[in-house]
Amino acid sequence: MTSTQTRHEPDVYPVLVERAARYSDLDPSRRIGRDALVRWFEDARVAVERDAFGADLDNRGRVRLLLASVRVNVLAPLRVTGPYRIGLGVTHIGRTSFTYTYSVFAGDECVATGESVSVHADPGPAPLPDAVRAALEGLRIAGPEVVRPGREPSRLVREAYPFRLDVRTRFGDLDTNRHVNNVALTGWYLDALAELHLDVLGYPTGGPLDGLSPSSLHVEYLAEVHYPGIHQLRVGVLDVDEDETRYACGLFDGARCTGLAEAVGSHHAPGDDGDLVELATRFEPFRMRAV
């Protein structure tokens, strides 16, 4: 399912949450960062679940939900001026999991979209309680049938990704589940893409050029990531066309894959002199490897 298959207007959504942008939400391009949007989705989701069926932040209640995946798509620049509204609805309810769809509105303009999948855990995947299922039905909106594409086996192999970044878990990354929070993990993938861009550009002061941040990011959480620990983030280039690059990322604990991400972003951006910097040919050494 893609966000473009859902009608993005405020009156479609059963829940609209007001959100004021903060300075700390901005990235170096002076726009709301992708990880900040994932945090906005999380805040809206947690508030709805607490009010609708009593999901507890400290997980002492009967309902324990874990995030399986999240996607964010940026459609227009999001600046610190606001306020914004986040629309939230449920498009699919399965036996053990369900799917949210999100839209971020500046006025009535949709400037970003997203989806996420949550799984009921007790402690592993377990059927959704009847009360939860009933509450979710009240949040239903029309949406396309959910289609989960198959995954290439090589995506789970560390050596398939040519670029490597080591990440040390921080205590501040943990949430009430005592594992690294999904927003923090999203930031790890964005860090890995930025490090790849720096490697290609030659490490300019101030970080990668504006315009290289991905416009779309999809993260899958395959296993919990714990503290303490040092993990390998791997990145490979899947495809390059005239305007965009598609990246694959894998997070590894030793040889075990604990998470995956896929991103799409531009491979050209204005340099300090105003001329366009073209990176497509420089990405060739970073193509995904056959394993």
C-alpha atoms as a PDB file:
ATOM      1  CA  MET A   1       0.000   0.000   0.000  1.00  0.00           C
ATOM      2  CA  THR A   2       1.259   3.491  -0.791  1.00  0.00           C
ATOM      3  CA  SER A   3       0.141   6.770   0.690  1.00  0.00           C
ATOM      4  CA  THR A   4      -0.890   8.068  -2.727  1.00  0.00           C
ATOM      5  CA  GLN A   5      -3.770   5.568  -2.772  1.00  0.00           C
ATOM      6  CA  THR A   6      -5.600   7.300   0.103  1.00  0.00           C
ATOM      7  CA  ARG A   7      -7.560  10.543  -0.194  1.00  0.00           C
ATOM      8  CA  HIS A   8      -5.667  13.144   1.853  1.00  0.00           C
ATOM      9  CA  GLU A   9      -8.151  15.697   3.164  1.00  0.00           C
ATOM     10  CA  PRO A  10      -8.715  16.603   6.820  1.00  0.00           C
ATOM     11  CA  ASP A  11     -12.384  15.576   6.855  1.00  0.00           C
ATOM     12  CA  VAL A  12     -11.445  11.985   5.920  1.00  0.00           C
ATOM     13  CA  TYR A  13      -9.786  11.311   9.269  1.00  0.00           C
ATOM     14  CA  PRO A  14     -11.675  10.399  12.461  1.00  0.00           C
ATOM     15  CA  VAL A  15      -8.848  11.889  14.564  1.00  0.00           C
ATOM     16  CA  LEU A  16      -7.089  15.214  13.995  1.00  0.00           C
ATOM     17  CA  VAL A  17      -4.294  16.127  16.417  1.00  0.00           C
ATOM     18  CA  GLU A  18      -2.903  19.662  16.639  1.00  0.00           C
ATOM     19  CA  ARG A  19       0.884  19.811  16.542  1.00  0.00           C
ATOM     20  CA  ALA A  20       3.137  22.825  16.961  1.00  0.00           C
ATOM     21  CA  ALA A  21       6.527  22.481  15.305  1.00  0.00           C
ATOM     22  CA  ARG A  22       9.526  22.945  17.588  1.00  0.00           C
ATOM     23  CA  TYR A  23      12.977  24.248  16.761  1.00  0.00           C
ATOM     24  CA  SER A  24      14.410  20.838  17.724  1.00  0.00           C
ATOM     25  CA  ASP A  25      12.226  19.250  15.007  1.00  0.00           C
ATOM     26  CA  LEU A  26      14.247  21.042  12.317  1.00  0.00           C
ATOM     27  CA  ASP A  27      17.087  19.392  10.426  1.00  0.00           C
ATOM     28  CA  PRO A  28      20.076  21.255   8.898  1.00  0.00           C
ATOM     29  CA  SER A  29      17.963  22.196   5.853  1.00  0.00           C
ATOM     30  CA  ARG A  30      15.723  24.226   8.225  1.00  0.00           C
ATOM     31  CA  ARG A  31      12.782  21.890   7.594  1.00  0.00           C
ATOM     32  CA  ILE A  32      11.018  19.362   9.787  1.00  0.00           C
ATOM     33  CA  GLY A  33      13.164  16.215   9.824  1.00  0.00           C
ATOM     34  CA  ARG A  34      11.926  12.774   8.815  1.00  0.00           C
ATOM     35  CA  ASP A  35      12.589  11.377  12.279  1.00  0.00           C
ATOM     36  CA  ALA A  36      10.581  14.255  13.782  1.00  0.00           C
ATOM     37  CA  LEU A  37       7.619  13.245  11.617  1.00  0.00           C
ATOM     38  CA  VAL A  38       7.922   9.678  12.868  1.00  0.00           C
ATOM     39  CA  ARG A  39       7.831  11.093  16.413  1.00  0.00           C
ATOM     40  CA  TRP A  40       4.711  13.102  15.529  1.00  0.00           C
ATOM     41  CA  PHE A  41       3.059   9.898  14.302  1.00  0.00           C
ATOM     42  CA  GLU A  42       4.065   8.114  17.506  1.00  0.00           C
ATOM     43  CA  ASP A  43       2.673  10.885  19.727  1.00  0.00           C
ATOM     44  CA  ALA A  44      -0.657  10.836  17.874  1.00  0.00           C
ATOM     45  CA  ARG A  45      -0.815   7.031  17.957  1.00  0.00           C
ATOM     46  CA  VAL A  46      -0.034   6.791  21.686  1.00  0.00           C
ATOM     47  CA  ALA A  47      -2.614   9.447  22.590  1.00  0.00           C
ATOM     48  CA  VAL A  48      -5.331   7.683  20.584  1.00  0.00           C
ATOM     49  CA  GLU A  49      -4.519   4.245  22.002  1.00  0.00           C
ATOM     50  CA  ARG A  50      -4.489   5.549  25.573  1.00  0.00           C
ATOM     51  CA  ASP A  51      -7.902   7.197  25.143  1.00  0.00           C
ATOM     52  CA  ALA A  52      -9.539   4.540  22.951  1.00  0.00           C
ATOM     53  CA  PHE A  53      -8.601   1.317  24.738  1.00  0.00           C
ATOM     54  CA  GLY A  54      -6.342   2.104  27.665  1.00  0.00           C
ATOM     55  CA  ALA A  55      -2.934   1.133  26.287  1.00  0.00           C
ATOM     56  CA  ASP A  56      -0.490   2.083  29.043  1.00  0.00           C
ATOM     57  CA  LEU A  57       2.787   3.873  28.415  1.00  0.00           C
ATOM     58  CA  ASP A  58       4.419   1.780  31.142  1.00  0.00           C
ATOM     59  CA  ASN A  59       2.991  -1.478  29.721  1.00  0.00           C
ATOM     60  CA  ARG A  60       1.408  -2.512  33.027  1.00  0.00           C
ATOM     61  CA  GLY A  61      -1.999  -2.854  31.412  1.00  0.00           C
ATOM     62  CA  ARG A  62      -3.306  -5.768  29.373  1.00  0.00           C
ATOM     63  CA  VAL A  63      -2.646  -4.138  25.999  1.00  0.00           C
ATOM     64  CA  ARG A  64       0.967  -4.168  24.809  1.00  0.00           C
ATOM     65  CA  LEU A  65       1.551  -2.962  21.259  1.00  0.00           C
ATOM     66  CA  LEU A  66       4.852  -3.089  19.406  1.00  0.00           C
ATOM     67  CA  LEU A  67       5.616  -1.245  16.189  1.00  0.00           C
ATOM     68  CA  ALA A  68       6.401  -3.541  13.256  1.00  0.00           C
ATOM     69  CA  SER A  69       6.966  -0.890  10.585  1.00  0.00           C
ATOM     70  CA  VAL A  70       6.563   2.788   9.797  1.00  0.00           C
ATOM     71  CA  ARG A  71       6.676   4.793   6.591  1.00  0.00           C
ATOM     72  CA  VAL A  72       6.938   8.557   6.074  1.00  0.00           C
ATOM     73  CA  ASN A  73       6.591  10.409   2.775  1.00  0.00           C
ATOM     74  CA  VAL A  74       7.361  14.136   2.519  1.00  0.00           C
ATOM     75  CA  LEU A  75       5.245  15.859  -0.127  1.00  0.00           C
ATOM     76  CA  ALA A  76       6.157  19.515   0.480  1.00  0.00           C
ATOM     77  CA  PRO A  77       8.613  21.442   2.682  1.00  0.00           C
ATOM     78  CA  LEU A  78       7.619  21.512   6.368  1.00  0.00           C
ATOM     79  CA  ARG A  79       8.961  24.554   8.169  1.00  0.00           C
ATOM     80  CA  VAL A  80       8.908  25.561  11.826  1.00  0.00           C
ATOM     81  CA  THR A  81       5.967  27.881  11.195  1.00  0.00           C
ATOM     82  CA  GLY A  82       2.662  26.219  11.933  1.00  0.00           C
ATOM     83  CA  PRO A  83       0.581  24.904  13.458  1.00  0.00           C
ATOM     84  CA  TYR A  84       0.141  21.528  11.809  1.00  0.00           C
ATOM     85  CA  ARG A  85      -2.593  18.929  12.128  1.00  0.00           C
ATOM     86  CA  ILE A  86      -2.020  15.185  12.028  1.00  0.00           C
ATOM     87  CA  GLY A  87      -4.851  13.080  10.675  1.00  0.00           C
ATOM     88  CA  LEU A  88      -4.979   9.467  11.875  1.00  0.00           C
ATOM     89  CA  GLY A  89      -7.177   6.542  10.872  1.00  0.00           C
ATOM     90  CA  VAL A  90      -7.128   2.742  10.725  1.00  0.00           C
ATOM     91  CA  THR A  91      -7.152   1.112   7.292  1.00  0.00           C
ATOM     92  CA  HIS A  92      -6.691  -2.575   8.160  1.00  0.00           C
ATOM     93  CA  ILE A  93      -7.390  -4.798  11.173  1.00  0.00           C
ATOM     94  CA  GLY A  94      -5.900  -8.283  11.130  1.00  0.00           C
ATOM     95  CA  ARG A  95      -5.804 -11.099  13.662  1.00  0.00           C
ATOM     96  CA  THR A  96      -2.784  -9.839  15.625  1.00  0.00           C
ATOM     97  CA  SER A  97      -1.971  -6.505  13.974  1.00  0.00           C
ATOM     98  CA  PHE A  98      -3.499  -3.378  12.467  1.00  0.00           C
ATOM     99  CA  THR A  99      -2.471  -0.530  10.192  1.00  0.00           C
ATOM    100  CA  TYR A 100      -2.659   3.210  10.747  1.00  0.00           C
ATOM    101  CA  THR A 101      -2.543   5.821   8.009  1.00  0.00           C
ATOM    102  CA  TYR A 102      -1.465   9.396   8.680  1.00  0.00           C
ATOM    103  CA  SER A 103      -1.531  12.747   6.917  1.00  0.00           C
ATOM    104  CA  VAL A 104       0.123  15.963   8.067  1.00  0.00           C
ATOM    105  CA  PHE A 105      -1.739  19.140   7.132  1.00  0.00           C
ATOM    106  CA  ALA A 106      -0.576  22.756   6.947  1.00  0.00           C
ATOM    107  CA  GLY A 107      -3.963  24.413   6.787  1.00  0.00           C
ATOM    108  CA  ASP A 108      -5.819  22.132   4.393  1.00  0.00           C
ATOM    109  CA  GLU A 109      -2.701  21.233   2.363  1.00  0.00           C
ATOM    110  CA  CYS A 110      -1.339  17.733   2.887  1.00  0.00           C
ATOM    111  CA  VAL A 111       2.429  18.099   3.266  1.00  0.00           C
ATOM    112  CA  ALA A 112       3.375  14.595   4.465  1.00  0.00           C
ATOM    113  CA  THR A 113       1.843  11.147   4.765  1.00  0.00           C
ATOM    114  CA  GLY A 114       2.667   7.904   6.479  1.00  0.00           C
ATOM    115  CA  GLU A 115       1.609   4.426   7.534  1.00  0.00           C
ATOM    116  CA  SER A 116       2.506   2.175  10.429  1.00  0.00           C
ATOM    117  CA  VAL A 117       1.750  -1.388  11.509  1.00  0.00           C
ATOM    118  CA  SER A 118       1.320  -2.280  15.195  1.00  0.00           C
ATOM    119  CA  VAL A 119       1.347  -5.805  16.602  1.00  0.00           C
ATOM    120  CA  HIS A 120      -0.324  -6.972  19.821  1.00  0.00           C
ATOM    121  CA  ALA A 121       2.308  -8.816  21.893  1.00  0.00           C
ATOM    122  CA  ASP A 122       1.698 -11.180  24.846  1.00  0.00           C
ATOM    123  CA  PRO A 123       4.733 -11.540  24.809  1.00  0.00           C
ATOM    124  CA  GLY A 124       4.865 -12.701  21.162  1.00  0.00           C
ATOM    125  CA  PRO A 125       2.224 -11.897  18.495  1.00  0.00           C
ATOM    126  CA  ALA A 126      -1.212 -12.548  20.016  1.00  0.00           C
ATOM    127  CA  PRO A 127      -4.825 -12.055  18.852  1.00  0.00           C
ATOM    128  CA  LEU A 128      -6.145  -8.534  19.319  1.00  0.00           C
ATOM    129  CA  PRO A 129      -8.464  -8.301  22.363  1.00  0.00           C
ATOM    130  CA  ASP A 130     -12.127  -7.785  21.492  1.00  0.00           C
ATOM    131  CA  ALA A 131     -12.184  -4.371  23.202  1.00  0.00           C
ATOM    132  CA  VAL A 132      -9.204  -3.221  21.155  1.00  0.00           C
ATOM    133  CA  ARG A 133     -10.729  -4.532  17.939  1.00  0.00           C
ATOM    134  CA  ALA A 134     -13.999  -2.694  18.671  1.00  0.00           C
ATOM    135  CA  ALA A 135     -12.164   0.563  19.399  1.00  0.00           C
ATOM    136  CA  LEU A 136     -10.143   0.247  16.193  1.00  0.00           C
ATOM    137  CA  GLU A 137     -13.333  -0.253  14.174  1.00  0.00           C
ATOM    138  CA  GLY A 138     -14.392   3.197  15.368  1.00  0.00           C
ATOM    139  CA  LEU A 139     -11.258   4.650  13.744  1.00  0.00           C
ATOM    140  CA  ARG A 140     -11.726   2.944  10.369  1.00  0.00           C
ATOM    141  CA  ILE A 141     -11.356   4.867   7.139  1.00  0.00           C
ATOM    142  CA  ALA A 142     -11.472   3.615   3.582  1.00  0.00           C
ATOM    143  CA  GLY A 143      -8.157   2.330   2.329  1.00  0.00           C
ATOM    144  CA  PRO A 144      -6.728  -0.040  -0.267  1.00  0.00           C
ATOM    145  CA  GLU A 145      -6.097  -3.685   0.403  1.00  0.00           C
ATOM    146  CA  VAL A 146      -2.801  -4.151   2.200  1.00  0.00           C
ATOM    147  CA  VAL A 147      -0.259  -5.927  -0.001  1.00  0.00           C
ATOM    148  CA  ARG A 148       3.070  -6.894   1.548  1.00  0.00           C
ATOM    149  CA  PRO A 149       5.674  -7.390  -1.190  1.00  0.00           C
ATOM    150  CA  GLY A 150       8.142 -10.207  -0.846  1.00  0.00           C
ATOM    151  CA  ARG A 151      11.592  -9.473   0.498  1.00  0.00           C
ATOM    152  CA  GLU A 152      14.820 -10.388  -1.240  1.00  0.00           C
ATOM    153  CA  PRO A 153      16.743 -12.855   0.982  1.00  0.00           C
ATOM    154  CA  SER A 154      19.910 -10.853   0.370  1.00  0.00           C
ATOM    155  CA  ARG A 155      18.429  -7.951   2.357  1.00  0.00           C
ATOM    156  CA  LEU A 156      19.047  -9.990   5.515  1.00  0.00           C
ATOM    157  CA  VAL A 157      22.725 -10.613   4.676  1.00  0.00           C
ATOM    158  CA  ARG A 158      25.198  -8.153   6.163  1.00  0.00           C
ATOM    159  CA  GLU A 159      27.787  -8.551   3.425  1.00  0.00           C
ATOM    160  CA  ALA A 160      25.287  -7.528   0.714  1.00  0.00           C
ATOM    161  CA  TYR A 161      25.583  -3.891   1.812  1.00  0.00           C
ATOM    162  CA  PRO A 162      28.867  -2.188   0.864  1.00  0.00           C
ATOM    163  CA  PHE A 163      28.707   0.779   3.266  1.00  0.00           C
ATOM    164  CA  ARG A 164      29.126   0.313   7.026  1.00  0.00           C
ATOM    165  CA  LEU A 165      28.494   2.532  10.042  1.00  0.00           C
ATOM    166  CA  ASP A 166      28.889   1.322  13.636  1.00  0.00           C
ATOM    167  CA  VAL A 167      26.346   2.618  16.155  1.00  0.00           C
ATOM    168  CA  ARG A 168      26.531   2.368  19.933  1.00  0.00           C
ATOM    169  CA  THR A 169      23.223   2.146  21.785  1.00  0.00           C
ATOM    170  CA  ARG A 170      22.644   4.999  24.218  1.00  0.00           C
ATOM    171  CA  PHE A 171      20.610   4.742  27.399  1.00  0.00           C
ATOM    172  CA  GLY A 172      18.599   7.763  26.268  1.00  0.00           C
ATOM    173  CA  ASP A 173      17.457   5.809  23.186  1.00  0.00           C
ATOM    174  CA  LEU A 174      15.433   3.381  25.333  1.00  0.00           C
ATOM    175  CA  ASP A 175      11.682   3.601  25.859  1.00  0.00           C
ATOM    176  CA  THR A 176       9.344   2.026  28.432  1.00  0.00           C
ATOM    177  CA  ASN A 177       9.650  -1.343  26.673  1.00  0.00           C
ATOM    178  CA  ARG A 178      13.365  -1.236  27.657  1.00  0.00           C
ATOM    179  CA  HIS A 179      14.487  -1.445  24.058  1.00  0.00           C
ATOM    180  CA  VAL A 180      15.621   1.229  21.598  1.00  0.00           C
ATOM    181  CA  ASN A 181      12.634   3.338  20.604  1.00  0.00           C
ATOM    182  CA  ASN A 182      11.391   3.279  17.005  1.00  0.00           C
ATOM    183  CA  VAL A 183      12.039   7.009  16.552  1.00  0.00           C
ATOM    184  CA  ALA A 184      15.654   6.607  17.679  1.00  0.00           C
ATOM    185  CA  LEU A 185      16.113   3.719  15.244  1.00  0.00           C
ATOM    186  CA  THR A 186      14.683   5.872  12.448  1.00  0.00           C
ATOM    187  CA  GLY A 187      17.351   8.423  13.290  1.00  0.00           C
ATOM    188  CA  TRP A 188      20.018   5.736  13.002  1.00  0.00           C
ATOM    189  CA  TYR A 189      19.012   4.987   9.413  1.00  0.00           C
ATOM    190  CA  LEU A 190      19.010   8.688   8.555  1.00  0.00           C
ATOM    191  CA  ASP A 191      22.484   8.973  10.124  1.00  0.00           C
ATOM    192  CA  ALA A 192      23.712   6.106   7.960  1.00  0.00           C
ATOM    193  CA  LEU A 193      22.416   7.777   4.778  1.00  0.00           C
ATOM    194  CA  ALA A 194      24.021  11.074   5.821  1.00  0.00           C
ATOM    195  CA  GLU A 195      27.342   9.287   6.446  1.00  0.00           C
ATOM    196  CA  LEU A 196      27.176   7.736   2.983  1.00  0.00           C
ATOM    197  CA  HIS A 197      26.555  11.165   1.449  1.00  0.00           C
ATOM    198  CA  LEU A 198      29.476  12.594   3.424  1.00  0.00           C
ATOM    199  CA  ASP A 199      31.717   9.785   2.221  1.00  0.00           C
ATOM    200  CA  VAL A 200      30.742  10.515  -1.384  1.00  0.00           C
ATOM    201  CA  LEU A 201      31.058  14.294  -0.989  1.00  0.00           C
ATOM    202  CA  GLY A 202      34.337  14.255   0.924  1.00  0.00           C
ATOM    203  CA  TYR A 203      33.066  15.286   4.377  1.00  0.00           C
ATOM    204  CA  PRO A 204      32.143  18.959   3.887  1.00  0.00           C
ATOM    205  CA  THR A 205      31.787  21.068   7.034  1.00  0.00           C
ATOM    206  CA  GLY A 206      28.202  21.157   8.246  1.00  0.00           C
ATOM    207  CA  GLY A 207      27.112  17.845   6.803  1.00  0.00           C
ATOM    208  CA  PRO A 208      25.604  16.752   3.486  1.00  0.00           C
ATOM    209  CA  LEU A 209      24.084  19.206   1.045  1.00  0.00           C
ATOM    210  CA  ASP A 210      20.505  20.355   1.489  1.00  0.00           C
ATOM    211  CA  GLY A 211      18.194  18.321  -0.686  1.00  0.00           C
ATOM    212  CA  LEU A 212      19.847  14.930  -0.172  1.00  0.00           C
ATOM    213  CA  SER A 213      17.654  13.873   2.756  1.00  0.00           C
ATOM    214  CA  PRO A 214      15.235  11.153   1.638  1.00  0.00           C
ATOM    215  CA  SER A 215      11.729  12.193   0.641  1.00  0.00           C
ATOM    216  CA  SER A 216      10.470   8.718   1.565  1.00  0.00           C
ATOM    217  CA  LEU A 217      11.607   6.366   4.327  1.00  0.00           C
ATOM    218  CA  HIS A 218      10.153   2.964   5.240  1.00  0.00           C
ATOM    219  CA  VAL A 219      11.462   1.156   8.334  1.00  0.00           C
ATOM    220  CA  GLU A 220      10.793  -2.444   9.414  1.00  0.00           C
ATOM    221  CA  TYR A 221      11.509  -3.475  13.004  1.00  0.00           C
ATOM    222  CA  LEU A 222      12.435  -7.170  12.914  1.00  0.00           C
ATOM    223  CA  ALA A 223      13.712  -7.601  16.483  1.00  0.00           C
ATOM    224  CA  GLU A 224      14.203  -5.555  19.629  1.00  0.00           C
ATOM    225  CA  VAL A 225      17.468  -3.619  19.910  1.00  0.00           C
ATOM    226  CA  HIS A 226      18.808  -3.538  23.455  1.00  0.00           C
ATOM    227  CA  TYR A 227      21.211  -1.552  25.620  1.00  0.00           C
ATOM    228  CA  PRO A 228      24.159  -1.785  25.857  1.00  0.00           C
ATOM    229  CA  GLY A 229      25.455  -2.815  22.485  1.00  0.00           C
ATOM    230  CA  ILE A 230      27.310  -1.846  19.324  1.00  0.00           C
ATOM    231  CA  HIS A 231      25.485  -2.510  16.071  1.00  0.00           C
ATOM    232  CA  GLN A 232      26.357  -2.333  12.402  1.00  0.00           C
ATOM    233  CA  LEU A 233      24.257  -0.204  10.083  1.00  0.00           C
ATOM    234  CA  ARG A 234      24.733  -1.174   6.457  1.00  0.00           C
ATOM    235  CA  VAL A 235      23.678   0.780   3.354  1.00  0.00           C
ATOM    236  CA  GLY A 236      23.525  -0.139  -0.319  1.00  0.00           C
ATOM    237  CA  VAL A 237      22.195   1.580  -3.421  1.00  0.00           C
ATOM    238  CA  LEU A 238      19.349  -0.332  -5.057  1.00  0.00           C
ATOM    239  CA  ASP A 239      18.641   1.856  -8.071  1.00  0.00           C
ATOM    240  CA  VAL A 240      19.499   5.228  -9.617  1.00  0.00           C
ATOM    241  CA  ASP A 241      17.377   6.939 -12.248  1.00  0.00           C
ATOM    242  CA  GLU A 242      17.487  10.443 -13.731  1.00  0.00           C
ATOM    243  CA  ASP A 243      16.344  12.158 -10.540  1.00  0.00           C
ATOM    244  CA  GLU A 244      16.302   9.763  -7.588  1.00  0.00           C
ATOM    245  CA  THR A 245      18.308   7.163  -5.718  1.00  0.00           C
ATOM    246  CA  ARG A 246      16.710   4.218  -3.926  1.00  0.00           C
ATOM    247  CA  TYR A 247      18.657   2.972  -0.914  1.00  0.00           C
ATOM    248  CA  ALA A 248      18.483  -0.197   1.169  1.00  0.00           C
ATOM    249  CA  CYS A 249      19.599  -0.256   4.803  1.00  0.00           C
ATOM    250  CA  GLY A 250      20.093  -3.110   7.235  1.00  0.00           C
ATOM    251  CA  LEU A 251      20.740  -3.055  10.970  1.00  0.00           C
ATOM    252  CA  PHE A 252      22.779  -5.974  12.299  1.00  0.00           C
ATOM    253  CA  ASP A 253      23.632  -7.379  15.708  1.00  0.00           C
ATOM    254  CA  GLY A 254      26.588  -9.487  14.690  1.00  0.00           C
ATOM    255  CA  ALA A 255      25.330 -11.383  11.632  1.00  0.00           C
ATOM    256  CA  ARG A 256      21.672 -11.229  12.746  1.00  0.00           C
ATOM    257  CA  CYS A 257      19.486  -8.665  10.966  1.00  0.00           C
ATOM    258  CA  THR A 258      17.332  -6.749  13.459  1.00  0.00           C
ATOM    259  CA  GLY A 259      15.884  -4.111  11.149  1.00  0.00           C
ATOM    260  CA  LEU A 260      15.520  -2.966   7.566  1.00  0.00           C
ATOM    261  CA  ALA A 261      14.848   0.327   5.847  1.00  0.00           C
ATOM    262  CA  GLU A 262      14.339   1.600   2.344  1.00  0.00           C
ATOM    263  CA  ALA A 263      14.640   5.229   1.315  1.00  0.00           C
ATOM    264  CA  VAL A 264      14.195   7.329  -1.805  1.00  0.00           C
ATOM    265  CA  GLY A 265      15.898  10.670  -2.307  1.00  0.00           C
ATOM    266  CA  SER A 266      17.438  12.992  -4.857  1.00  0.00           C
ATOM    267  CA  HIS A 267      21.018  12.456  -6.003  1.00  0.00           C
ATOM    268  CA  HIS A 268      21.643  16.080  -6.923  1.00  0.00           C
ATOM    269  CA  ALA A 269      21.584  19.229  -4.809  1.00  0.00           C
ATOM    270  CA  PRO A 270      22.939  22.789  -5.007  1.00  0.00           C
ATOM    271  CA  GLY A 271      26.504  23.237  -3.802  1.00  0.00           C
ATOM    272  CA  ASP A 272      27.966  26.200  -1.937  1.00  0.00           C
ATOM    273  CA  ASP A 273      28.671  27.954  -5.240  1.00  0.00           C
ATOM    274  CA  GLY A 274      25.075  27.504  -6.411  1.00  0.00           C
ATOM    275  CA  ASP A 275      25.990  24.939  -9.062  1.00  0.00           C
ATOM    276  CA  LEU A 276      24.255  21.573  -9.054  1.00  0.00           C
ATOM    277  CA  VAL A 277      26.273  18.739  -7.530  1.00  0.00           C
ATOM    278  CA  GLU A 278      25.505  15.430  -9.263  1.00  0.00           C
ATOM    279  CA  LEU A 279      26.199  12.291  -7.234  1.00  0.00           C
ATOM    280  CA  ALA A 280      24.695   9.491  -9.349  1.00  0.00           C
ATOM    281  CA  THR A 281      27.977   8.239 -10.798  1.00  0.00           C
ATOM    282  CA  ARG A 282      29.651   8.417  -7.381  1.00  0.00           C
ATOM    283  CA  PHE A 283      27.103   5.973  -5.989  1.00  0.00           C
ATOM    284  CA  GLU A 284      28.213   3.158  -8.306  1.00  0.00           C
ATOM    285  CA  PRO A 285      30.728   1.633  -5.818  1.00  0.00           C
ATOM    286  CA  PHE A 286      27.925   1.443  -3.262  1.00  0.00           C
ATOM    287  CA  ARG A 287      25.526  -0.720  -5.264  1.00  0.00           C
ATOM    288  CA  MET A 288      24.059  -3.689  -3.397  1.00  0.00           C
ATOM    289  CA  ARG A 289      26.210  -6.801  -3.830  1.00  0.00           C
ATOM    290  CA  ALA A 290      25.150 -10.218  -5.006  1.00  0.00           C
ATOM    291  CA  VAL A 291      25.521 -12.779  -2.205  1.00  0.00           C
END
